[in-house]
Amino acid sequence: QLAESGGGLVQPGESLRLSCVDSGTTFEDRPIGWFRQAPGREREAISCISHEGGIRNFKDSARGRFTISRDNEKKTVYLQMSSLRPEDTAIYYCAQSISSWCRRDQYEYDYWGEGTQVTVSS
């Protein structure tokens, strides 16, 4: 039900905007979170946005560089990423919360997209 897009190969300092489109029926009811997983590392939460637009940011290194937003009419959640660094290289996933709350724990989310690869390299 969720599909990510917008990933790619960029140089350090550049920007990308990821999109997460929901083809399901509960998009406006539950929060959507963005996660990422780098090779050899556990999946980590970046940010989450509720259906009213309330935001929780979980990743300290992303504060001030990554911005989450949503367009309920388009059933889309975005992750605007700027000043990208090589350590931001990962597969980025969006997922829908199982509740009305934004949580850090990935097990609080049920529907997941297949991910989009972001590579930051010179």
Protein backbone atom coordinates (compact mmCIF):
# COMPACT_ATOMS: atom_id res chain seq x y z
CA GLN A 1 0.00 0.00 0.00
CA LEU A 2 3.00 2.30 0.44
CA ALA A 3 5.50 3.10 -2.29
CA GLU A 4 8.62 5.22 -1.89
CA SER A 5 10.36 7.12 -4.65
CA GLY A 6 12.89 9.88 -5.12
CA GLY A 7 16.08 8.14 -4.09
CA GLY A 8 19.27 8.27 -6.10
CA LEU A 9 22.97 9.03 -6.18
CA VAL A 10 23.97 12.52 -5.08
CA GLN A 11 27.13 14.28 -4.00
CA PRO A 12 27.72 15.47 -0.44
CA GLY A 13 25.90 18.70 0.26
CA GLU A 14 23.18 18.09 -2.28
CA SER A 15 19.45 17.56 -1.67
CA LEU A 16 16.80 14.97 -2.39
CA ARG A 17 13.08 14.79 -1.78
CA LEU A 18 11.63 11.40 -1.08
CA SER A 19 7.96 10.65 -1.59
CA CYS A 20 5.77 8.02 0.01
CA VAL A 21 2.47 7.40 -1.74
CA ASP A 22 -0.29 5.46 -0.04
CA SER A 23 -2.74 3.56 -2.20
CA GLY A 24 -4.66 2.26 0.81
CA THR A 25 -7.70 3.53 2.65
CA THR A 26 -6.33 4.57 6.03
CA PHE A 27 -3.78 7.20 4.99
CA GLU A 28 -5.47 10.09 6.68
CA ASP A 29 -6.17 8.17 9.85
CA ARG A 30 -2.72 7.14 10.98
CA PRO A 31 0.78 8.63 11.19
CA ILE A 32 3.43 7.87 8.61
CA GLY A 33 7.06 7.46 9.56
CA TRP A 34 10.32 7.53 7.63
CA PHE A 35 13.05 5.04 8.50
CA ARG A 36 16.38 4.13 7.00
CA GLN A 37 18.70 1.15 7.05
CA ALA A 38 22.35 1.29 6.14
CA PRO A 39 24.31 -1.85 5.23
CA GLY A 40 25.15 -3.86 8.31
CA ARG A 41 23.13 -1.63 10.59
CA GLU A 42 19.71 -1.80 12.18
CA ARG A 43 16.76 0.09 10.77
CA GLU A 44 16.39 3.45 12.48
CA ALA A 45 13.60 5.95 12.76
CA ILE A 46 14.09 9.39 11.26
CA SER A 47 10.82 11.25 11.58
CA CYS A 48 7.08 10.75 11.78
CA ILE A 49 4.05 12.89 10.96
CA SER A 50 0.50 12.49 12.21
CA HIS A 51 -2.56 12.96 10.05
CA GLU A 52 -3.03 16.44 11.57
CA GLY A 53 0.54 17.34 10.71
CA GLY A 54 2.12 16.87 14.12
CA ILE A 55 5.78 15.93 13.78
CA ARG A 56 8.20 13.91 15.86
CA ASN A 57 11.85 13.85 14.90
CA PHE A 58 13.88 10.90 16.12
CA LYS A 59 17.27 11.23 14.47
CA ASP A 60 19.49 13.89 15.98
CA SER A 61 21.85 14.01 13.00
CA ALA A 62 18.91 14.75 10.71
CA ARG A 63 17.57 17.72 12.68
CA GLY A 64 17.81 20.89 10.67
CA ARG A 65 18.57 18.97 7.49
CA PHE A 66 15.56 16.66 7.00
CA THR A 67 11.96 17.88 6.93
CA ILE A 68 8.89 15.68 6.87
CA SER A 69 5.58 16.89 5.44
CA ARG A 70 2.37 15.45 4.07
CA ASP A 71 -0.27 16.22 1.49
CA ASN A 72 -3.43 14.38 2.51
CA GLU A 73 -5.15 15.21 -0.74
CA LYS A 74 -2.39 13.42 -2.65
CA LYS A 75 -2.01 10.73 0.03
CA THR A 76 1.67 11.47 0.03
CA VAL A 77 4.28 12.03 2.71
CA TYR A 78 7.54 13.69 1.82
CA LEU A 79 11.01 13.70 3.31
CA GLN A 80 12.99 16.69 2.14
CA MET A 81 16.68 16.04 2.74
CA SER A 82 19.33 18.70 2.40
CA SER A 83 23.05 18.97 3.11
CA LEU A 84 23.34 15.24 2.54
CA ARG A 85 26.35 13.42 3.94
CA PRO A 86 27.95 10.08 3.01
CA GLU A 87 26.68 8.67 6.31
CA ASP A 88 23.11 9.30 5.10
CA THR A 89 23.59 6.52 2.56
CA ALA A 90 20.92 3.90 3.21
CA ILE A 91 17.67 2.41 1.99
CA TYR A 92 14.87 4.72 3.07
CA TYR A 93 11.47 3.30 3.99
CA CYS A 94 8.12 4.77 4.87
CA ALA A 95 5.68 2.96 7.10
CA GLN A 96 2.25 3.45 8.61
CA SER A 97 1.80 3.48 12.36
CA ILE A 98 -0.45 0.85 13.90
CA SER A 99 -1.89 3.49 16.19
CA SER A 100 -2.63 7.20 16.27
CA TRP A 101 0.79 7.94 17.71
CA CYS A 102 4.21 8.55 16.26
CA ARG A 103 6.62 6.06 17.86
CA ARG A 104 10.31 5.43 17.41
CA ASP A 105 10.04 1.64 17.46
CA GLN A 106 9.72 0.10 14.01
CA TYR A 107 7.45 -2.60 15.47
CA GLU A 108 4.84 0.10 16.05
CA TYR A 109 4.39 0.26 12.27
CA ASP A 110 2.69 -2.34 10.12
CA TYR A 111 2.50 -1.39 6.45
CA TRP A 112 5.90 -0.78 4.86
CA GLY A 113 7.04 0.24 1.43
CA GLU A 114 9.84 -1.58 -0.38
CA GLY A 115 12.28 1.26 0.11
CA THR A 116 14.27 3.61 -2.06
CA GLN A 117 18.06 3.71 -2.18
CA VAL A 118 19.86 6.93 -1.29
CA THR A 119 23.59 7.04 -1.97
CA VAL A 120 25.68 10.06 -1.05
CA SER A 121 29.13 9.91 -2.56
CA SER A 122 31.62 12.09 -4.36
